[in-house]
């Protein structure tokens, strides 16, 4: 991934996923998970960039996750880029559908992303990014997702 002048940051990613069954019914209770990690953060021109490494659920494969937040005409757009054993580019824009390829060591999936909400309260030293989207796999709705990312300035002397 291209390297900008990045500053160290503490990153909290909250993931709430509500599965959609084959009849189209959305689960009432979300499946929740959280990632707490250190990464890097910067602003380059009109885009905020956040980058961190993560393991898959089975702790077998690392991938680098890069999140780019850009404001265009008063609307935010988020692009999630994963590189490594798991790779994809997921652009999320409110009211837009995008088809993507999600590659894993076990094969690739054709997925669709329907952006529902993208909002942010972000500054050069941190803030929050939130987005909601529906995920389709092979043209079937599989989940409604809500991601909230909190970025805090790294304080020298914190334990990693």
Protein backbone atom coordinates (compact mmCIF):
# COMPACT_ATOMS: atom_id res chain seq x y z
CA UNK A 1 0.00 0.00 0.00
CA UNK A 2 1.13 3.52 -0.73
CA UNK A 3 2.68 5.20 2.33
CA UNK A 4 1.83 8.77 3.28
CA UNK A 5 3.22 10.63 6.29
CA UNK A 6 1.23 8.70 8.85
CA UNK A 7 0.93 9.20 12.59
CA UNK A 8 0.46 6.36 15.06
CA UNK A 9 -3.11 5.90 16.32
CA UNK A 10 -5.15 3.67 18.61
CA UNK A 11 -8.06 2.14 16.68
CA UNK A 12 -11.30 0.60 17.91
CA UNK A 13 -13.52 -1.07 15.30
CA UNK A 14 -17.02 -2.10 16.43
CA UNK A 15 -18.80 -4.46 14.04
CA UNK A 16 -22.51 -5.23 14.30
CA UNK A 17 -23.85 -7.69 11.76
CA UNK A 18 -27.51 -8.74 11.45
CA UNK A 19 -27.85 -11.83 9.24
CA UNK A 20 -30.62 -12.00 6.63
CA UNK A 21 -32.23 -15.42 6.18
CA UNK A 22 -33.19 -16.99 2.85
CA UNK A 23 -36.71 -15.52 3.13
CA UNK A 24 -35.29 -12.01 3.52
CA UNK A 25 -35.98 -11.67 7.25
CA UNK A 26 -33.35 -9.61 9.11
CA UNK A 27 -32.27 -10.91 12.53
CA UNK A 28 -33.44 -8.73 15.42
CA UNK A 29 -30.24 -9.15 17.44
CA UNK A 30 -26.87 -8.33 15.87
CA UNK A 31 -23.77 -10.49 16.02
CA UNK A 32 -21.15 -8.17 17.53
CA UNK A 33 -17.37 -8.15 17.44
CA UNK A 34 -14.64 -5.66 18.18
CA UNK A 35 -11.08 -5.02 17.07
CA UNK A 36 -8.70 -3.03 19.30
CA UNK A 37 -5.36 -2.29 17.68
CA UNK A 38 -2.71 0.25 16.82
CA UNK A 39 -2.36 1.56 13.31
CA UNK A 40 -1.60 4.68 11.36
CA UNK A 41 -3.71 7.67 10.40
CA UNK A 42 -3.31 10.80 8.27
CA UNK A 43 -5.06 13.30 6.06
CA UNK A 44 -3.85 13.62 2.48
CA UNK A 45 -5.51 16.37 0.46
CA UNK A 46 -9.27 15.80 0.95
CA UNK A 47 -9.01 12.17 2.12
CA UNK A 48 -8.53 10.74 5.61
CA UNK A 49 -6.57 7.48 5.57
CA UNK A 50 -6.50 4.85 8.31
CA UNK A 51 -4.39 1.71 8.08
CA UNK A 52 -4.00 -1.29 10.41
CA UNK A 53 -3.21 -4.99 10.35
CA UNK A 54 -5.71 -7.64 11.38
CA UNK A 55 -6.04 -11.41 11.65
CA UNK A 56 -8.92 -13.40 10.23
CA UNK A 57 -11.39 -15.03 12.64
CA UNK A 58 -9.30 -18.21 12.80
CA UNK A 59 -6.06 -16.30 13.43
CA UNK A 60 -4.47 -17.88 10.38
CA UNK A 61 -4.02 -15.00 7.97
CA UNK A 62 -2.97 -11.39 8.33
CA UNK A 63 -4.23 -8.70 6.06
CA UNK A 64 -3.64 -4.97 5.97
CA UNK A 65 -6.84 -2.96 6.12
CA UNK A 66 -6.89 0.57 4.74
CA UNK A 67 -9.92 2.80 5.14
CA UNK A 68 -10.21 5.94 3.06
CA UNK A 69 -12.82 8.57 3.92
CA UNK A 70 -13.51 11.28 1.38
CA UNK A 71 -16.08 14.05 1.38
CA UNK A 72 -17.59 14.96 -1.99
CA UNK A 73 -20.35 17.55 -2.39
CA UNK A 74 -21.28 17.30 1.31
CA UNK A 75 -21.51 13.50 1.26
CA UNK A 76 -18.97 11.06 2.69
CA UNK A 77 -17.69 8.03 0.80
CA UNK A 78 -15.76 5.22 2.50
CA UNK A 79 -13.53 2.76 0.70
CA UNK A 80 -12.32 -0.31 2.61
CA UNK A 81 -9.25 -1.90 1.03
CA UNK A 82 -7.87 -5.23 2.28
CA UNK A 83 -4.56 -6.62 1.07
CA UNK A 84 -2.93 -9.91 1.94
CA UNK A 85 -4.40 -13.41 2.05
CA UNK A 86 -7.79 -11.68 2.19
CA UNK A 87 -8.14 -8.95 -0.42
CA UNK A 88 -10.89 -6.70 -1.69
CA UNK A 89 -11.85 -3.12 -2.45
CA UNK A 90 -15.24 -2.16 -0.99
CA UNK A 91 -16.51 1.32 -1.90
CA UNK A 92 -19.45 2.37 0.29
CA UNK A 93 -21.61 5.31 -0.78
CA UNK A 94 -25.09 6.16 0.47
CA UNK A 95 -27.76 5.01 -1.97
CA UNK A 96 -25.33 3.28 -4.31
CA UNK A 97 -24.76 -0.38 -5.06
CA UNK A 98 -21.34 -1.70 -5.99
CA UNK A 99 -20.27 -5.18 -7.12
CA UNK A 100 -16.92 -6.36 -5.76
CA UNK A 101 -14.70 -9.41 -5.61
CA UNK A 102 -13.74 -10.69 -2.12
CA UNK A 103 -10.74 -13.03 -2.33
CA UNK A 104 -9.73 -15.48 0.41
CA UNK A 105 -7.23 -18.37 0.53
CA UNK A 106 -10.22 -20.67 -0.06
CA UNK A 107 -11.58 -18.94 -3.15
CA UNK A 108 -13.32 -15.75 -4.24
CA UNK A 109 -16.85 -14.46 -3.76
CA UNK A 110 -18.84 -12.02 -5.87
CA UNK A 111 -20.33 -9.59 -3.36
CA UNK A 112 -22.54 -6.56 -3.59
CA UNK A 113 -22.49 -3.59 -1.24
CA UNK A 114 -25.50 -1.29 -0.83
CA UNK A 115 -24.50 1.81 1.13
CA UNK A 116 -27.11 2.99 3.62
CA UNK A 117 -25.28 5.48 5.90
CA UNK A 118 -21.82 7.05 5.90
CA UNK A 119 -21.06 9.68 8.52
CA UNK A 120 -17.99 10.99 10.26
CA UNK A 121 -16.76 13.37 12.90
CA UNK A 122 -13.09 13.40 12.09
CA UNK A 123 -10.12 15.69 12.47
CA UNK A 124 -6.40 15.44 11.76
CA UNK A 125 -5.76 13.81 15.16
CA UNK A 126 -8.67 11.32 15.20
CA UNK A 127 -12.44 11.02 15.52
CA UNK A 128 -15.12 8.57 14.41
CA UNK A 129 -16.24 7.05 11.13
CA UNK A 130 -19.55 5.17 10.95
CA UNK A 131 -21.11 3.35 8.05
CA UNK A 132 -23.98 0.97 7.42
CA UNK A 133 -24.43 -1.24 4.41
CA UNK A 134 -26.19 -4.34 3.16
CA UNK A 135 -24.01 -7.20 1.96
CA UNK A 136 -25.09 -9.51 -0.86
CA UNK A 137 -23.24 -12.69 -1.81
CA UNK A 138 -23.89 -14.09 -5.28
CA UNK A 139 -26.87 -11.70 -5.59
CA UNK A 140 -28.54 -12.83 -2.33
CA UNK A 141 -28.87 -10.47 0.64
CA UNK A 142 -26.90 -11.98 3.53
CA UNK A 143 -26.51 -9.28 6.19
CA UNK A 144 -27.04 -5.71 7.33
CA UNK A 145 -23.82 -4.30 8.77
CA UNK A 146 -22.97 -1.35 11.01
CA UNK A 147 -19.31 -0.44 11.48
CA UNK A 148 -18.11 2.24 13.91
CA UNK A 149 -14.42 3.14 13.95
CA UNK A 150 -12.94 5.31 16.68
CA UNK A 151 -9.48 6.74 16.06
CA UNK A 152 -7.50 8.17 18.98
CA UNK A 153 -4.14 9.85 18.92
CA UNK A 154 -1.32 7.57 20.04
CA UNK A 155 0.24 8.79 23.27
CA UNK A 156 3.97 8.16 23.60
CA UNK A 157 4.67 5.67 26.37
CA UNK A 158 1.38 3.72 25.95
CA UNK A 159 1.86 -0.04 25.97
CA UNK A 160 1.37 -1.66 22.58
